[in-house]
Amino acid sequence: MSDFKAEYLPELLRGNTEALLLYLVDELEFTYGYQLIKEIKTRSQGYFLFKEGTIYPALRKLENDGMIAGEWQQVPSGMQRRYYRITDKGRDVLRDKIVMWKDFTAAMNLIIEPDIS
């Protein structure tokens, strides 16, 4: 799946950005915005190219909604960086979103990839 163009409807990703971020914050346990941008690009083999103007507002919304908790920490350079952890509420929402995604893709696959027996 390498070296392909990022061609998709932005609406498809927009509805799933929250789930992607919750999943990665949960998996990485203690992470920050730029690390999430790099992780998404790496894991999608360059298919998803998030910008800071997308990630940081989404992280603020997740934090305001109580799904992640952030804290400022000083890094060796002396600068401050905001690190995030998932909350119990965030894990519950993530679990629901994963179930919905799996059900949705299964139903789509029944239509576009019917089992020809």
C-alpha atoms as a PDB file:
ATOM      1  CA  MET A   1       0.000   0.000   0.000  1.00  0.00           C
ATOM      2  CA  SER A   2       2.960   2.317  -0.346  1.00  0.00           C
ATOM      3  CA  ASP A   3       3.352   5.219  -2.742  1.00  0.00           C
ATOM      4  CA  PHE A   4      -0.316   5.845  -3.435  1.00  0.00           C
ATOM      5  CA  LYS A   5      -2.063   9.164  -3.709  1.00  0.00           C
ATOM      6  CA  ALA A   6      -4.148  10.467  -0.839  1.00  0.00           C
ATOM      7  CA  GLU A   7      -7.388  10.641  -2.770  1.00  0.00           C
ATOM      8  CA  TYR A   8     -10.498  10.380  -0.644  1.00  0.00           C
ATOM      9  CA  LEU A   9     -13.449  12.518   0.216  1.00  0.00           C
ATOM     10  CA  PRO A  10     -12.536  14.699   3.191  1.00  0.00           C
ATOM     11  CA  GLU A  11     -15.965  13.943   4.665  1.00  0.00           C
ATOM     12  CA  LEU A  12     -14.973  10.289   5.063  1.00  0.00           C
ATOM     13  CA  LEU A  13     -12.026  11.191   7.250  1.00  0.00           C
ATOM     14  CA  ARG A  14     -13.718  14.080   9.051  1.00  0.00           C
ATOM     15  CA  GLY A  15     -16.233  11.712  10.581  1.00  0.00           C
ATOM     16  CA  ASN A  16     -13.482   9.389  11.807  1.00  0.00           C
ATOM     17  CA  THR A  17     -10.769  11.781  12.994  1.00  0.00           C
ATOM     18  CA  GLU A  18     -12.006  11.561  16.572  1.00  0.00           C
ATOM     19  CA  ALA A  19     -11.787   7.766  16.561  1.00  0.00           C
ATOM     20  CA  LEU A  20      -8.290   7.821  15.037  1.00  0.00           C
ATOM     21  CA  LEU A  21      -7.041  10.248  17.657  1.00  0.00           C
ATOM     22  CA  LEU A  22      -8.686   8.429  20.563  1.00  0.00           C
ATOM     23  CA  TYR A  23      -7.224   5.129  19.362  1.00  0.00           C
ATOM     24  CA  LEU A  24      -3.694   6.497  19.073  1.00  0.00           C
ATOM     25  CA  VAL A  25      -3.817   8.441  22.350  1.00  0.00           C
ATOM     26  CA  ASP A  26      -4.990   5.248  24.050  1.00  0.00           C
ATOM     27  CA  GLU A  27      -2.328   3.095  22.411  1.00  0.00           C
ATOM     28  CA  LEU A  28       0.565   5.528  22.822  1.00  0.00           C
ATOM     29  CA  GLU A  29      -0.571   6.287  26.403  1.00  0.00           C
ATOM     30  CA  PHE A  30       1.154   9.687  26.729  1.00  0.00           C
ATOM     31  CA  THR A  31       1.528  11.567  23.476  1.00  0.00           C
ATOM     32  CA  TYR A  32       1.446  15.027  21.925  1.00  0.00           C
ATOM     33  CA  GLY A  33      -0.017  16.559  18.782  1.00  0.00           C
ATOM     34  CA  TYR A  34       2.959  16.478  16.448  1.00  0.00           C
ATOM     35  CA  GLN A  35       3.716  12.879  17.405  1.00  0.00           C
ATOM     36  CA  LEU A  36       0.133  11.991  16.441  1.00  0.00           C
ATOM     37  CA  ILE A  37       0.540  13.708  13.054  1.00  0.00           C
ATOM     38  CA  LYS A  38       3.700  11.672  12.351  1.00  0.00           C
ATOM     39  CA  GLU A  39       2.148   8.445  13.636  1.00  0.00           C
ATOM     40  CA  ILE A  40      -0.931   8.806  11.418  1.00  0.00           C
ATOM     41  CA  LYS A  41       1.225   9.513   8.365  1.00  0.00           C
ATOM     42  CA  THR A  42       3.522   6.555   9.080  1.00  0.00           C
ATOM     43  CA  ARG A  43       0.779   4.048   9.856  1.00  0.00           C
ATOM     44  CA  SER A  44      -1.287   5.047   6.822  1.00  0.00           C
ATOM     45  CA  GLN A  45       1.852   4.925   4.653  1.00  0.00           C
ATOM     46  CA  GLY A  46       1.332   8.560   3.754  1.00  0.00           C
ATOM     47  CA  TYR A  47      -2.349   8.229   2.854  1.00  0.00           C
ATOM     48  CA  PHE A  48      -3.524  10.474   5.689  1.00  0.00           C
ATOM     49  CA  LEU A  49      -1.628  13.738   5.897  1.00  0.00           C
ATOM     50  CA  PHE A  50      -2.987  15.690   8.834  1.00  0.00           C
ATOM     51  CA  LYS A  51      -1.984  19.277   9.427  1.00  0.00           C
ATOM     52  CA  GLU A  52      -1.569  21.012  12.754  1.00  0.00           C
ATOM     53  CA  GLY A  53      -4.659  23.094  11.952  1.00  0.00           C
ATOM     54  CA  THR A  54      -6.694  19.881  11.988  1.00  0.00           C
ATOM     55  CA  ILE A  55      -5.101  17.977  14.861  1.00  0.00           C
ATOM     56  CA  TYR A  56      -4.855  20.654  17.544  1.00  0.00           C
ATOM     57  CA  PRO A  57      -8.484  21.834  17.359  1.00  0.00           C
ATOM     58  CA  ALA A  58      -9.601  18.172  17.376  1.00  0.00           C
ATOM     59  CA  LEU A  59      -7.464  17.483  20.458  1.00  0.00           C
ATOM     60  CA  ARG A  60      -8.901  20.567  22.202  1.00  0.00           C
ATOM     61  CA  LYS A  61     -12.422  19.361  21.430  1.00  0.00           C
ATOM     62  CA  LEU A  62     -11.665  15.876  22.778  1.00  0.00           C
ATOM     63  CA  GLU A  63     -10.212  17.452  25.902  1.00  0.00           C
ATOM     64  CA  ASN A  64     -13.163  19.829  26.348  1.00  0.00           C
ATOM     65  CA  ASP A  65     -15.521  16.849  25.949  1.00  0.00           C
ATOM     66  CA  GLY A  66     -13.656  14.941  28.678  1.00  0.00           C
ATOM     67  CA  MET A  67     -12.384  12.178  26.396  1.00  0.00           C
ATOM     68  CA  ILE A  68      -8.701  12.990  26.842  1.00  0.00           C
ATOM     69  CA  ALA A  69      -6.779  14.832  29.532  1.00  0.00           C
ATOM     70  CA  GLY A  70      -3.839  17.060  28.714  1.00  0.00           C
ATOM     71  CA  GLU A  71      -0.987  18.409  30.762  1.00  0.00           C
ATOM     72  CA  TRP A  72       1.866  20.726  29.956  1.00  0.00           C
ATOM     73  CA  GLN A  73       5.380  19.407  30.431  1.00  0.00           C
ATOM     74  CA  GLN A  74       8.731  21.015  29.873  1.00  0.00           C
ATOM     75  CA  VAL A  75      10.878  19.232  27.290  1.00  0.00           C
ATOM     76  CA  PRO A  76      14.718  19.232  27.364  1.00  0.00           C
ATOM     77  CA  SER A  77      14.847  22.257  25.044  1.00  0.00           C
ATOM     78  CA  GLY A  78      13.027  24.243  27.723  1.00  0.00           C
ATOM     79  CA  MET A  79       9.838  24.571  25.715  1.00  0.00           C
ATOM     80  CA  GLN A  80       6.442  23.434  26.947  1.00  0.00           C
ATOM     81  CA  ARG A  81       4.603  20.602  25.204  1.00  0.00           C
ATOM     82  CA  ARG A  82       1.060  19.407  25.880  1.00  0.00           C
ATOM     83  CA  TYR A  83       0.820  15.653  26.422  1.00  0.00           C
ATOM     84  CA  TYR A  84      -2.450  13.731  26.298  1.00  0.00           C
ATOM     85  CA  ARG A  85      -3.882  10.623  27.939  1.00  0.00           C
ATOM     86  CA  ILE A  86      -7.223   8.996  27.243  1.00  0.00           C
ATOM     87  CA  THR A  87      -9.861   9.118  29.986  1.00  0.00           C
ATOM     88  CA  ASP A  88     -12.345   6.411  30.965  1.00  0.00           C
ATOM     89  CA  LYS A  89     -15.023   8.334  29.065  1.00  0.00           C
ATOM     90  CA  GLY A  90     -12.721   8.425  26.028  1.00  0.00           C
ATOM     91  CA  ARG A  91     -12.191   4.653  26.187  1.00  0.00           C
ATOM     92  CA  ASP A  92     -15.955   4.091  26.319  1.00  0.00           C
ATOM     93  CA  VAL A  93     -16.498   6.384  23.316  1.00  0.00           C
ATOM     94  CA  LEU A  94     -13.627   4.730  21.434  1.00  0.00           C
ATOM     95  CA  ARG A  95     -15.037   1.266  22.073  1.00  0.00           C
ATOM     96  CA  ASP A  96     -18.431   2.383  20.705  1.00  0.00           C
ATOM     97  CA  LYS A  97     -16.832   4.027  17.662  1.00  0.00           C
ATOM     98  CA  ILE A  98     -14.827   0.903  16.830  1.00  0.00           C
ATOM     99  CA  VAL A  99     -17.965  -1.252  16.994  1.00  0.00           C
ATOM    100  CA  MET A 100     -19.815   1.242  14.761  1.00  0.00           C
ATOM    101  CA  TRP A 101     -16.914   1.325  12.280  1.00  0.00           C
ATOM    102  CA  LYS A 102     -16.696  -2.462  12.081  1.00  0.00           C
ATOM    103  CA  ASP A 103     -20.462  -2.757  11.582  1.00  0.00           C
ATOM    104  CA  PHE A 104     -20.402  -0.006   8.938  1.00  0.00           C
ATOM    105  CA  THR A 105     -17.524  -1.529   6.960  1.00  0.00           C
ATOM    106  CA  ALA A 106     -19.046  -4.998   7.199  1.00  0.00           C
ATOM    107  CA  ALA A 107     -22.326  -3.684   5.766  1.00  0.00           C
ATOM    108  CA  MET A 108     -20.491  -1.770   3.005  1.00  0.00           C
ATOM    109  CA  ASN A 109     -18.512  -4.894   2.128  1.00  0.00           C
ATOM    110  CA  LEU A 110     -21.718  -6.932   1.873  1.00  0.00           C
ATOM    111  CA  ILE A 111     -22.782  -4.556  -0.873  1.00  0.00           C
ATOM    112  CA  ILE A 112     -19.556  -3.863  -2.746  1.00  0.00           C
ATOM    113  CA  GLU A 113     -17.882  -7.240  -2.250  1.00  0.00           C
ATOM    114  CA  PRO A 114     -20.713  -9.761  -2.206  1.00  0.00           C
ATOM    115  CA  ASP A 115     -19.827 -13.366  -1.469  1.00  0.00           C
ATOM    116  CA  ILE A 116     -20.260 -15.162  -4.781  1.00  0.00           C
ATOM    117  CA  SER A 117     -20.800 -18.806  -3.876  1.00  0.00           C
END
